[in-house]
Amino acid sequence: MAVWSRKSPDTRLLKSAEAVIVAVPAQAVRLVLTELPVPCEASVIIAAKGIERGTGHFMHQVVRARAPENPALILSGPSFACDVLAGKPTAVTLGGSSLDLANHWAAALSLPHFRIYGSDDVLGVALGGAMKNVLAIASGISDGRGLGDSARAALITRSFAELTRFGHAMGARPETLMGLSGLGDLMLTCTSPQSRNYKAGHLIGTGVLAKDAIAATSGTVEGAYTAQVAVELAARHGIDMPIISAVHAVLDRNTSPEDEINRLLARPLKSEI
């Protein structure tokens, strides 16, 4: 295995690659694929979780647009890099255009402590990973405001309802969203201070301005870039997503968390299902 980066841009390492794992922020995937001479027909495995601004494309769609001859796969699930590096048990999903392709690379990349499950619902895998980042910001805001464990549980449950509505409208399978790349990743990201999205939301909940909270969080807060395009896609497909809309309002319209919380609590009562 070889590593290419801007600090070590030796493209000779890629000439014989059967697969390339792209582990960069979602908004940089298209640029990296433009710069990177990926061998013809090599599988491109995307480890980013997001939706591209401007196009509304999920990451496998970005690969198809930029490198249509290369099979596109999405690696996603409840995993923190530090846990994987420490050898702690972790399980994720690898979505590809076919189950044979996904299972092939899942077997090739799995380790005794790092289990990869194959899936041919690449859209569902990509969608779950992207949307949970926005929803984790909401969970962080709730905890930052001191709203309590009961509120967090309700928020995560209703977040999953939004995720499944969005997935149904976009064509993702319900069982994918119930799995590691959907519910599993949502639970982890919405409850752990290790999550950059949760951490940024927590700062916002304590009163820090959204732009300052994002700047103060090390690494990329993917949910901050995904919220707006998620709202746009939801509107285009007629999907009701009040929690993601509230996060978008806080991040991009400078509304206060308190106003958005009150707006959510004031929504009309209806049946749960």
Protein backbone atom coordinates (compact mmCIF):
# COMPACT_ATOMS: atom_id res chain seq x y z
CA MET A 1 0.00 0.00 0.00
CA ALA A 2 1.29 3.48 -0.91
CA VAL A 3 0.16 6.93 0.22
CA TRP A 4 -0.14 9.91 -2.13
CA SER A 5 -0.57 13.43 -0.77
CA ARG A 6 0.32 16.96 -1.76
CA LYS A 7 3.33 16.63 0.54
CA SER A 8 4.38 13.43 -1.24
CA PRO A 9 2.98 13.82 -4.77
CA ASP A 10 4.77 10.89 -6.39
CA THR A 11 2.19 9.64 -8.89
CA ARG A 12 4.41 6.71 -9.88
CA LEU A 13 3.00 4.99 -6.82
CA LEU A 14 -0.40 4.85 -8.49
CA LYS A 15 0.50 3.27 -11.81
CA SER A 16 -0.16 -0.31 -10.76
CA ALA A 17 -2.92 0.39 -8.21
CA GLU A 18 -6.02 -1.78 -8.40
CA ALA A 19 -7.87 0.54 -6.02
CA VAL A 20 -7.41 4.09 -4.75
CA ILE A 21 -8.85 5.19 -1.40
CA VAL A 22 -9.67 8.92 -1.45
CA ALA A 23 -9.66 10.21 2.14
CA VAL A 24 -10.16 13.96 1.80
CA PRO A 25 -13.01 16.36 2.72
CA ALA A 26 -16.09 15.87 0.55
CA GLN A 27 -15.83 19.27 -1.13
CA ALA A 28 -12.28 18.43 -2.29
CA VAL A 29 -13.02 15.05 -3.88
CA ARG A 30 -13.63 16.39 -7.39
CA LEU A 31 -10.44 18.49 -7.31
CA VAL A 32 -8.33 15.58 -6.07
CA LEU A 33 -9.71 13.30 -8.79
CA THR A 34 -8.81 16.01 -11.30
CA GLU A 35 -5.21 16.15 -10.04
CA LEU A 36 -4.76 12.45 -9.33
CA PRO A 37 -3.89 10.16 -12.28
CA VAL A 38 -6.06 7.23 -11.21
CA PRO A 39 -5.24 4.13 -13.31
CA CYS A 40 -7.90 3.17 -15.81
CA GLU A 41 -10.53 0.85 -14.31
CA ALA A 42 -9.01 1.00 -10.81
CA SER A 43 -11.70 1.09 -8.14
CA VAL A 44 -12.10 4.46 -6.40
CA ILE A 45 -13.11 4.07 -2.75
CA ILE A 46 -14.33 7.32 -1.19
CA ALA A 47 -13.96 7.73 2.57
CA ALA A 48 -15.52 11.22 2.64
CA LYS A 49 -19.06 11.75 3.98
CA GLY A 50 -20.88 14.63 2.36
CA ILE A 51 -22.78 16.08 -0.58
CA GLU A 52 -21.05 18.29 -3.12
CA ARG A 53 -22.18 21.90 -3.05
CA GLY A 54 -23.29 23.34 -6.37
CA THR A 55 -24.12 19.99 -7.96
CA GLY A 56 -25.95 18.19 -5.14
CA HIS A 57 -23.95 15.07 -6.02
CA PHE A 58 -23.14 12.35 -3.52
CA MET A 59 -19.52 11.22 -3.56
CA HIS A 60 -19.99 8.19 -5.82
CA GLN A 61 -21.75 10.47 -8.30
CA VAL A 62 -18.76 12.82 -8.23
CA VAL A 63 -16.53 9.88 -9.12
CA ARG A 64 -18.84 8.87 -11.97
CA ALA A 65 -18.82 12.42 -13.33
CA ARG A 66 -15.05 12.84 -13.08
CA ALA A 67 -13.83 9.29 -13.76
CA PRO A 68 -16.67 7.33 -15.38
CA GLU A 69 -14.42 4.40 -16.29
CA ASN A 70 -13.52 3.76 -12.64
CA PRO A 71 -15.88 1.78 -10.35
CA ALA A 72 -16.99 4.01 -7.45
CA LEU A 73 -17.41 2.74 -3.89
CA ILE A 74 -18.29 4.46 -0.60
CA LEU A 75 -16.76 3.44 2.74
CA SER A 76 -18.89 4.62 5.64
CA GLY A 77 -20.00 3.66 9.12
CA PRO A 78 -19.54 4.32 12.84
CA SER A 79 -15.77 4.67 13.13
CA PHE A 80 -13.29 7.14 14.56
CA ALA A 81 -9.79 7.00 13.11
CA CYS A 82 -8.22 6.89 16.56
CA ASP A 83 -10.23 3.76 17.45
CA VAL A 84 -9.21 2.02 14.24
CA LEU A 85 -5.54 2.93 14.70
CA ALA A 86 -5.67 1.71 18.30
CA GLY A 87 -6.95 -1.69 17.16
CA LYS A 88 -10.34 -1.31 18.80
CA PRO A 89 -13.23 -3.32 17.28
CA THR A 90 -14.93 -1.36 14.51
CA ALA A 91 -17.44 -2.27 11.78
CA VAL A 92 -18.34 -0.27 8.68
CA THR A 93 -20.06 -0.70 5.31
CA LEU A 94 -18.58 -0.56 1.81
CA GLY A 95 -21.14 0.29 -0.85
CA GLY A 96 -20.53 -0.40 -4.53
CA SER A 97 -22.41 -0.75 -7.79
CA SER A 98 -22.52 -4.54 -7.34
CA LEU A 99 -22.37 -6.85 -4.35
CA ASP A 100 -19.49 -8.81 -5.90
CA LEU A 101 -17.41 -5.63 -6.23
CA ALA A 102 -18.24 -4.44 -2.72
CA ASN A 103 -17.56 -7.83 -1.14
CA HIS A 104 -14.28 -8.20 -3.02
CA TRP A 105 -12.84 -4.98 -1.61
CA ALA A 106 -14.48 -5.51 1.79
CA ALA A 107 -12.57 -8.78 2.10
CA ALA A 108 -9.34 -7.24 0.81
CA LEU A 109 -9.41 -4.30 3.23
CA SER A 110 -10.83 -5.90 6.38
CA LEU A 111 -8.63 -6.53 9.41
CA PRO A 112 -9.30 -8.73 12.46
CA HIS A 113 -10.51 -5.65 14.40
CA PHE A 114 -11.87 -3.71 11.38
CA ARG A 115 -14.84 -5.51 9.82
CA ILE A 116 -16.20 -4.30 6.50
CA TYR A 117 -19.63 -5.41 5.27
CA GLY A 118 -20.38 -5.19 1.56
CA SER A 119 -23.51 -3.57 0.11
CA ASP A 120 -24.76 -2.86 -3.39
CA ASP A 121 -26.86 0.09 -2.16
CA VAL A 122 -24.14 2.66 -2.74
CA LEU A 123 -26.61 5.56 -2.61
CA GLY A 124 -27.92 4.45 0.79
CA VAL A 125 -24.39 4.14 2.19
CA ALA A 126 -23.44 7.58 0.84
CA LEU A 127 -26.66 9.22 2.01
CA GLY A 128 -26.46 7.95 5.58
CA GLY A 129 -22.88 9.14 5.99
CA ALA A 130 -23.64 12.59 4.61
CA MET A 131 -26.84 13.36 6.49
CA LYS A 132 -25.71 12.15 9.91
CA ASN A 133 -23.08 14.92 10.01
CA VAL A 134 -25.75 17.62 9.86
CA LEU A 135 -27.89 15.83 12.42
CA ALA A 136 -24.91 15.48 14.77
CA ILE A 137 -24.56 19.26 14.82
CA ALA A 138 -28.16 19.42 16.06
CA SER A 139 -27.38 16.89 18.79
CA GLY A 140 -24.34 18.87 19.86
CA ILE A 141 -26.40 22.06 20.04
CA SER A 142 -28.96 20.29 22.23
CA ASP A 143 -26.29 19.10 24.66
CA GLY A 144 -24.55 22.47 24.58
CA ARG A 145 -27.82 24.07 25.63
CA GLY A 146 -28.09 21.58 28.50
CA LEU A 147 -31.40 20.18 27.29
CA GLY A 148 -30.72 16.76 28.82
CA ASP A 149 -30.55 13.09 27.91
CA SER A 150 -34.27 12.78 27.18
CA ALA A 151 -34.11 15.58 24.62
CA ARG A 152 -31.06 14.02 23.00
CA ALA A 153 -32.81 10.65 22.68
CA ALA A 154 -35.88 12.27 21.13
CA LEU A 155 -33.72 14.33 18.79
CA ILE A 156 -31.75 11.31 17.55
CA THR A 157 -34.96 9.34 17.02
CA ARG A 158 -36.59 12.12 15.03
CA SER A 159 -33.30 12.65 13.16
CA PHE A 160 -33.46 9.03 12.05
CA ALA A 161 -37.03 9.63 10.88
CA GLU A 162 -35.76 12.48 8.70
CA LEU A 163 -32.93 10.32 7.41
CA THR A 164 -35.30 7.51 6.41
CA ARG A 165 -37.76 9.93 4.74
CA PHE A 166 -34.94 11.45 2.75
CA GLY A 167 -33.56 8.04 1.86
CA HIS A 168 -36.96 6.76 0.70
CA ALA A 169 -37.45 9.75 -1.59
CA MET A 170 -33.94 9.43 -3.03
CA GLY A 171 -34.20 5.68 -3.64
CA ALA A 172 -32.06 4.28 -0.80
CA ARG A 173 -33.07 1.00 0.80
CA PRO A 174 -34.57 1.10 4.33
CA GLU A 175 -32.37 -1.80 5.48
CA THR A 176 -29.24 0.15 4.52
CA LEU A 177 -30.33 3.12 6.61
CA MET A 178 -31.07 0.75 9.51
CA GLY A 179 -27.51 -0.54 9.31
CA LEU A 180 -24.00 0.59 10.14
CA SER A 181 -23.77 3.40 7.58
CA GLY A 182 -27.14 4.83 8.65
CA LEU A 183 -28.40 4.32 12.20
CA GLY A 184 -25.03 3.09 13.47
CA ASP A 185 -23.12 6.14 12.29
CA LEU A 186 -25.92 8.46 13.41
CA MET A 187 -25.81 7.08 16.97
CA LEU A 188 -22.04 7.43 17.22
CA THR A 189 -21.77 10.89 15.74
CA CYS A 190 -24.69 12.31 17.73
CA THR A 191 -23.35 11.20 21.10
CA SER A 192 -19.56 11.44 21.11
CA PRO A 193 -17.38 14.50 21.75
CA GLN A 194 -14.86 12.84 19.41
CA SER A 195 -17.17 13.82 16.54
CA ARG A 196 -16.15 17.13 14.96
CA ASN A 197 -19.76 17.80 13.98
CA TYR A 198 -21.05 17.15 17.50
CA LYS A 199 -18.22 19.23 18.96
CA ALA A 200 -18.98 22.22 16.71
CA GLY A 201 -22.67 21.95 17.55
CA HIS A 202 -21.90 21.80 21.26
CA LEU A 203 -19.91 25.03 21.01
CA ILE A 204 -22.81 26.68 19.18
CA GLY A 205 -25.16 25.47 21.89
CA THR A 206 -23.04 27.15 24.56
CA GLY A 207 -23.35 30.50 22.76
CA VAL A 208 -20.39 30.52 20.38
CA LEU A 209 -21.21 31.95 16.94
CA ALA A 210 -21.52 29.26 14.28
CA LYS A 211 -18.59 30.51 12.18
CA ASP A 212 -16.37 30.73 15.27
CA ALA A 213 -17.41 27.26 16.45
CA ILE A 214 -16.52 25.75 13.09
CA ALA A 215 -13.20 27.59 13.03
CA ALA A 216 -12.39 26.41 16.56
CA THR A 217 -13.03 22.75 15.70
CA SER A 218 -9.94 20.97 14.40
CA GLY A 219 -10.45 19.17 11.11
CA THR A 220 -13.35 19.51 8.69
CA VAL A 221 -16.89 19.91 10.03
CA GLU A 222 -18.55 18.19 7.05
CA GLY A 223 -22.08 18.89 8.28
CA ALA A 224 -21.48 22.63 7.96
CA TYR A 225 -20.96 22.20 4.22
CA THR A 226 -23.73 19.66 3.74
CA ALA A 227 -26.63 21.40 5.53
CA GLN A 228 -27.46 23.89 2.79
CA VAL A 229 -27.36 21.40 -0.08
CA ALA A 230 -29.36 18.88 1.99
CA VAL A 231 -32.10 21.48 2.47
CA GLU A 232 -32.05 22.25 -1.26
CA LEU A 233 -32.39 18.56 -2.16
CA ALA A 234 -35.18 18.13 0.40
CA ALA A 235 -37.10 21.05 -1.09
CA ARG A 236 -36.59 19.71 -4.62
CA HIS A 237 -38.04 16.32 -3.62
CA GLY A 238 -40.75 17.66 -1.29
CA ILE A 239 -39.30 16.12 1.88
CA ASP A 240 -40.06 17.53 5.32
CA MET A 241 -36.78 17.81 7.24
CA PRO A 242 -37.30 20.26 10.12
CA ILE A 243 -34.17 19.34 12.11
CA ILE A 244 -31.81 19.69 9.16
CA SER A 245 -33.60 22.92 8.17
CA ALA A 246 -33.04 24.24 11.70
CA VAL A 247 -29.31 23.43 11.53
CA HIS A 248 -29.11 25.17 8.15
CA ALA A 249 -30.83 28.23 9.60
CA VAL A 250 -28.33 28.42 12.48
CA LEU A 251 -25.28 27.84 10.28
CA ASP A 252 -26.16 29.79 7.16
CA ARG A 253 -28.81 32.32 8.18
CA ASN A 254 -27.44 33.30 11.59
CA THR A 255 -30.64 32.49 13.46
CA SER A 256 -30.24 31.66 17.14
CA PRO A 257 -30.33 28.05 18.39
CA GLU A 258 -32.99 29.10 20.91
CA ASP A 259 -35.31 30.36 18.14
CA GLU A 260 -34.87 27.16 16.15
CA ILE A 261 -35.45 24.95 19.20
CA ASN A 262 -38.65 26.85 20.00
CA ARG A 263 -39.74 26.53 16.37
CA LEU A 264 -39.23 22.76 16.46
CA LEU A 265 -41.13 22.42 19.74
CA ALA A 266 -44.00 24.50 18.36
CA ARG A 267 -44.60 22.25 15.35
CA PRO A 268 -48.13 20.80 15.17
CA LEU A 269 -48.67 17.50 17.00
CA LYS A 270 -49.33 14.48 14.79
CA SER A 271 -49.02 10.69 14.80
CA GLU A 272 -45.46 9.45 15.11
CA ILE A 273 -45.55 7.06 12.14
